[in-house]
Amino acid sequence: MVVPKHQRRIAGFDEAVISLYAKGMTTGDIAKHLSDLYGSDVSRDLVSTVTDKVLGDMQEWQARPLDAIYPVVLIDALVIKVRDGQVANRPVYVAVGIDLEGHRDVLGLWMGPTGGEGAKQWMNMLTELRNRGVADVCIVCCDGLKGLPDAITAIWPLATVQQCVVHLVRNSLRYASKKYWSKITRQLREVYTAPTVAAAEARFAEFAEQWRSLYPAMIQMWESAWGEFVPFLKFPPEIRRLIYTT
C-alpha cells in the first residue's frame, strides 16, 4: 500500500486507530490488527501518538473557558456500556447550554463511576462549569434525581430549577397498567400545556381525583415535583419548548 505524496500516513489510518481505541483495544492489539490489515509494520509508539493527540484535544475541549451567563442549561445522564477490564454500565453526565444568542453548546461530558447517576457527582460537574466561567444560569432543566435541585442552587443560587416534563410523564407510566397509558398521557398533556399555572392546577386536581385511589404513588410523585414542574408554565410557548425536556 502506497502512502500519498507529502503525507506520512494513509487516509483513514488515524480514524481507524481512534475507532479501535474507543472500543477498548490496547495499543498492542491495535498495532497488530493494523499490521495485519495494511500488510506492514505498525508500531505501538505510532498508535500511542495518534491516541495521545486525541486525548489531548479532548482534555483541551473539556477545560475550555465558557460564557459567564447561560439563559438555559440542560443536564442529564446517559447510561452506556464501557469496557474497562470488563463491560459495565456507567453514566455519562452531559451538560448542554443555550447561550444569549440561542445557540446550543455542549458544555461538558463526564464519565461517572458505576452505580448510576448521583447528585453528589453532579455537584462536582456543576462546580467545574462555574470554575470555567459560568457565573450564572437562569433556568436549569433536569430530571427528578433526588438532591439535584439542592446541588444546582448551591452552585447558582438564583437559578430556577425546571424538572423535565418528559421524565415526569415517563415515570408516571411506571406506576400504571399499560392499558391506561394512552389515557394518562392524554390527560397529563392537558396539565403541562395549560396556558397558566392556575389552569394547570385545575387540570391536575381533576387528574388526581380520578387516579389517586388506583395509583396513589403516581399522584404523590407529581405533588412532590410540582414546585420544579410549574416554572416553565410562566413562559410563552417559544421558551417552553426550550425547557420542556432535557
Protein backbone atom coordinates (compact mmCIF):
# COMPACT_ATOMS: atom_id res chain seq x y z
CA MET A 1 0.00 0.00 0.00
CA VAL A 2 1.42 3.37 -1.07
CA VAL A 3 1.32 6.45 1.15
CA PRO A 4 0.34 9.54 -0.92
CA LYS A 5 2.99 12.17 -1.60
CA HIS A 6 3.56 14.71 1.22
CA GLN A 7 1.65 12.51 3.70
CA ARG A 8 3.06 10.36 6.50
CA ARG A 9 0.08 8.03 6.89
CA ILE A 10 -2.56 6.64 4.57
CA ALA A 11 -6.04 8.15 4.55
CA GLY A 12 -8.27 6.78 7.28
CA PHE A 13 -5.40 5.43 9.41
CA ASP A 14 -5.92 7.82 12.33
CA GLU A 15 -9.69 7.29 12.24
CA ALA A 16 -9.18 3.50 12.37
CA VAL A 17 -6.86 3.82 15.38
CA ILE A 18 -9.32 6.08 17.22
CA SER A 19 -12.24 3.76 16.49
CA LEU A 20 -10.39 0.69 17.76
CA TYR A 21 -9.12 2.55 20.82
CA ALA A 22 -12.67 3.68 21.63
CA LYS A 23 -13.78 0.04 21.55
CA GLY A 24 -11.35 -0.72 24.39
CA MET A 25 -8.47 -2.35 22.48
CA THR A 26 -4.94 -1.92 23.83
CA THR A 27 -2.25 -0.16 21.78
CA GLY A 28 -0.56 -3.53 21.25
CA ASP A 29 -3.76 -5.13 19.95
CA ILE A 30 -4.39 -2.15 17.67
CA ALA A 31 -0.82 -2.28 16.28
CA LYS A 32 -1.15 -5.99 15.50
CA HIS A 33 -4.60 -5.57 13.94
CA LEU A 34 -3.46 -2.71 11.67
CA SER A 35 -0.28 -4.57 10.71
CA ASP A 36 -2.43 -7.49 9.56
CA LEU A 37 -4.84 -5.13 7.81
CA TYR A 38 -2.30 -2.99 5.93
CA GLY A 39 0.40 -5.62 5.46
CA SER A 40 3.16 -3.51 7.02
CA ASP A 41 4.59 -2.99 10.48
CA VAL A 42 2.69 -0.57 12.72
CA SER A 43 4.46 0.24 15.97
CA ARG A 44 2.79 0.73 19.34
CA ASP A 45 4.51 4.12 19.53
CA LEU A 46 2.72 5.25 16.37
CA VAL A 47 -0.62 4.11 17.78
CA SER A 48 0.13 5.96 21.03
CA THR A 49 0.99 9.12 19.09
CA VAL A 50 -2.45 9.10 17.44
CA THR A 51 -4.40 8.33 20.64
CA ASP A 52 -2.41 10.82 22.73
CA LYS A 53 -3.27 13.61 20.30
CA VAL A 54 -6.97 12.74 20.51
CA LEU A 55 -6.87 12.62 24.32
CA GLY A 56 -5.03 15.95 24.37
CA ASP A 57 -7.67 17.53 22.14
CA MET A 58 -10.43 16.13 24.36
CA GLN A 59 -8.82 17.47 27.53
CA GLU A 60 -8.35 20.89 25.94
CA TRP A 61 -12.01 20.94 24.86
CA GLN A 62 -13.21 19.82 28.30
CA ALA A 63 -11.24 22.60 30.03
CA ARG A 64 -12.09 25.44 27.61
CA PRO A 65 -13.47 28.71 29.07
CA LEU A 66 -17.25 29.19 28.92
CA ASP A 67 -19.62 32.17 28.79
CA ALA A 68 -20.41 33.98 32.02
CA ILE A 69 -24.19 33.64 31.62
CA TYR A 70 -26.39 31.00 30.03
CA PRO A 71 -30.16 31.58 29.98
CA VAL A 72 -30.77 27.82 29.91
CA VAL A 73 -28.65 24.79 30.83
CA LEU A 74 -29.94 21.25 30.25
CA ILE A 75 -28.35 18.47 32.29
CA ASP A 76 -28.90 14.73 32.19
CA ALA A 77 -27.01 11.45 32.41
CA LEU A 78 -26.88 8.80 29.71
CA VAL A 79 -26.07 5.21 30.67
CA ILE A 80 -23.71 3.40 28.30
CA LYS A 81 -21.71 0.17 28.37
CA VAL A 82 -17.99 0.77 28.97
CA ARG A 83 -15.20 -1.79 28.74
CA ASP A 84 -12.59 -1.30 31.46
CA GLY A 85 -11.30 -4.79 32.10
CA GLN A 86 -14.92 -5.90 31.95
CA VAL A 87 -18.07 -4.39 30.47
CA ALA A 88 -20.16 -2.34 32.91
CA ASN A 89 -22.94 0.22 32.75
CA ARG A 90 -21.64 3.70 33.58
CA PRO A 91 -23.36 7.10 33.47
CA VAL A 92 -22.10 9.84 31.17
CA TYR A 93 -23.01 13.24 32.63
CA VAL A 94 -23.99 15.72 29.91
CA ALA A 95 -24.49 19.49 30.19
CA VAL A 96 -25.82 21.50 27.25
CA GLY A 97 -26.04 25.28 27.40
CA ILE A 98 -28.21 27.64 25.36
CA ASP A 99 -26.35 30.94 25.07
CA LEU A 100 -27.66 34.51 24.83
CA GLU A 101 -27.92 34.20 21.03
CA GLY A 102 -29.94 30.99 21.21
CA HIS A 103 -27.14 28.64 20.16
CA ARG A 104 -26.77 25.25 21.82
CA ASP A 105 -23.33 24.22 23.06
CA VAL A 106 -22.22 21.03 24.78
CA LEU A 107 -20.54 22.44 27.88
CA GLY A 108 -19.12 19.16 29.11
CA LEU A 109 -19.18 15.36 29.10
CA TRP A 110 -18.02 13.41 32.15
CA MET A 111 -17.77 9.67 32.65
CA GLY A 112 -19.10 8.73 36.08
CA PRO A 113 -18.42 5.64 38.19
CA THR A 114 -20.67 2.59 38.14
CA GLY A 115 -23.74 2.68 40.33
CA GLY A 116 -25.94 5.10 38.41
CA GLU A 117 -26.46 8.85 38.36
CA GLY A 118 -25.81 10.73 41.60
CA ALA A 119 -26.44 14.25 42.88
CA LYS A 120 -23.01 14.38 44.54
CA GLN A 121 -21.39 13.65 41.19
CA TRP A 122 -23.45 16.42 39.61
CA MET A 123 -22.20 18.81 42.27
CA ASN A 124 -18.64 18.16 41.07
CA MET A 125 -19.59 18.71 37.40
CA LEU A 126 -21.53 21.91 38.09
CA THR A 127 -18.68 23.24 40.21
CA GLU A 128 -16.36 22.65 37.27
CA LEU A 129 -18.67 24.63 34.98
CA ARG A 130 -18.67 27.52 37.45
CA ASN A 131 -14.87 27.37 37.68
CA ARG A 132 -14.67 27.52 33.88
CA GLY A 133 -16.55 30.81 33.89
CA VAL A 134 -20.29 30.10 34.16
CA ALA A 135 -21.18 32.67 36.82
CA ASP A 136 -24.95 32.45 36.49
CA VAL A 137 -27.72 30.42 34.85
CA CYS A 138 -31.35 31.49 34.60
CA ILE A 139 -33.00 28.07 34.18
CA VAL A 140 -31.55 24.60 34.73
CA CYS A 141 -33.64 21.77 33.29
CA CYS A 142 -33.01 18.37 34.86
CA ASP A 143 -34.62 15.06 35.72
CA GLY A 144 -36.16 14.23 39.09
CA LEU A 145 -32.98 12.91 40.72
CA LYS A 146 -33.17 13.28 44.50
CA GLY A 147 -30.89 16.03 45.79
CA LEU A 148 -30.18 17.50 42.37
CA PRO A 149 -32.18 20.76 42.84
CA ASP A 150 -30.18 21.46 46.02
CA ALA A 151 -26.92 20.81 44.15
CA ILE A 152 -27.95 23.25 41.40
CA THR A 153 -28.94 26.07 43.74
CA ALA A 154 -25.77 25.57 45.77
CA ILE A 155 -23.78 26.48 42.64
CA TRP A 156 -26.16 29.07 41.14
CA PRO A 157 -28.41 30.35 43.97
CA LEU A 158 -30.63 32.44 41.68
CA ALA A 159 -31.24 29.69 39.12
CA THR A 160 -34.75 28.36 38.52
CA VAL A 161 -34.85 24.55 38.57
CA GLN A 162 -37.16 23.10 35.94
CA GLN A 163 -37.94 19.39 36.09
CA CYS A 164 -38.06 17.66 32.72
CA VAL A 165 -41.70 17.08 31.73
CA VAL A 166 -40.84 14.03 29.65
CA HIS A 167 -39.23 12.38 32.69
CA LEU A 168 -42.32 13.14 34.77
CA VAL A 169 -44.71 11.63 32.22
CA ARG A 170 -42.48 8.61 31.65
CA ASN A 171 -42.17 8.00 35.39
CA SER A 172 -45.93 8.28 35.75
CA LEU A 173 -46.44 5.35 33.40
CA ARG A 174 -44.23 3.15 35.56
CA TYR A 175 -46.95 3.19 38.22
CA ALA A 176 -49.83 2.46 35.85
CA SER A 177 -51.12 -0.51 33.92
CA LYS A 178 -50.26 -0.35 30.23
CA LYS A 179 -53.95 -0.33 29.30
CA TYR A 180 -54.25 3.14 30.89
CA TRP A 181 -51.11 4.68 29.35
CA SER A 182 -52.79 6.49 26.47
CA LYS A 183 -55.48 7.93 28.74
CA ILE A 184 -52.98 9.08 31.36
CA THR A 185 -50.63 10.70 28.83
CA ARG A 186 -53.57 12.48 27.17
CA GLN A 187 -54.76 13.89 30.49
CA LEU A 188 -51.25 14.89 31.58
CA ARG A 189 -50.79 16.73 28.30
CA GLU A 190 -53.71 18.96 29.32
CA VAL A 191 -51.77 19.73 32.53
CA TYR A 192 -48.40 20.67 31.02
CA THR A 193 -49.88 22.53 28.05
CA ALA A 194 -52.21 24.62 30.22
CA PRO A 195 -51.99 28.36 29.44
CA THR A 196 -51.41 29.37 33.08
CA VAL A 197 -50.30 27.89 36.39
CA ALA A 198 -53.86 28.20 37.74
CA ALA A 199 -55.23 26.29 34.76
CA ALA A 200 -52.59 23.58 35.21
CA GLU A 201 -53.51 23.26 38.89
CA ALA A 202 -57.17 22.85 37.96
CA ARG A 203 -56.40 20.17 35.35
CA PHE A 204 -54.12 18.34 37.77
CA ALA A 205 -56.76 18.42 40.52
CA GLU A 206 -59.14 16.62 38.16
CA PHE A 207 -56.40 14.16 37.18
CA ALA A 208 -55.53 13.45 40.82
CA GLU A 209 -59.18 12.94 41.79
CA GLN A 210 -59.59 10.31 39.09
CA TRP A 211 -56.36 8.35 39.67
CA ARG A 212 -55.36 8.81 43.34
CA SER A 213 -57.27 5.78 44.65
CA LEU A 214 -55.82 3.49 41.97
CA TYR A 215 -52.27 4.88 41.74
CA PRO A 216 -51.54 6.98 44.84
CA ALA A 217 -47.76 6.82 44.30
CA MET A 218 -48.13 8.38 40.84
CA ILE A 219 -50.11 11.32 42.24
CA GLN A 220 -47.70 11.74 45.14
CA MET A 221 -44.78 11.88 42.68
CA TRP A 222 -46.40 14.79 40.84
CA GLU A 223 -47.24 16.59 44.05
CA SER A 224 -43.64 16.25 45.27
CA ALA A 225 -42.28 17.55 41.95
CA TRP A 226 -44.86 20.33 41.48
CA GLY A 227 -42.53 23.12 42.63
CA GLU A 228 -39.95 22.16 39.97
CA PHE A 229 -42.60 21.41 37.33
CA VAL A 230 -44.54 24.69 37.16
CA PRO A 231 -41.81 27.29 36.40
CA PHE A 232 -41.97 26.80 32.64
CA LEU A 233 -45.74 27.45 32.64
CA LYS A 234 -44.96 31.13 33.29
CA PHE A 235 -43.20 31.41 29.93
CA PRO A 236 -44.55 31.73 26.36
CA PRO A 237 -44.60 28.63 24.10
CA GLU A 238 -41.27 29.55 22.47
CA ILE A 239 -39.47 29.34 25.81
CA ARG A 240 -41.45 26.32 26.99
CA ARG A 241 -40.15 24.33 24.03
CA LEU A 242 -36.56 25.01 25.15
CA ILE A 243 -37.00 23.82 28.73
CA TYR A 244 -39.71 21.18 28.24
CA THR A 245 -37.23 18.30 28.29
CA THR A 246 -33.56 17.53 28.78
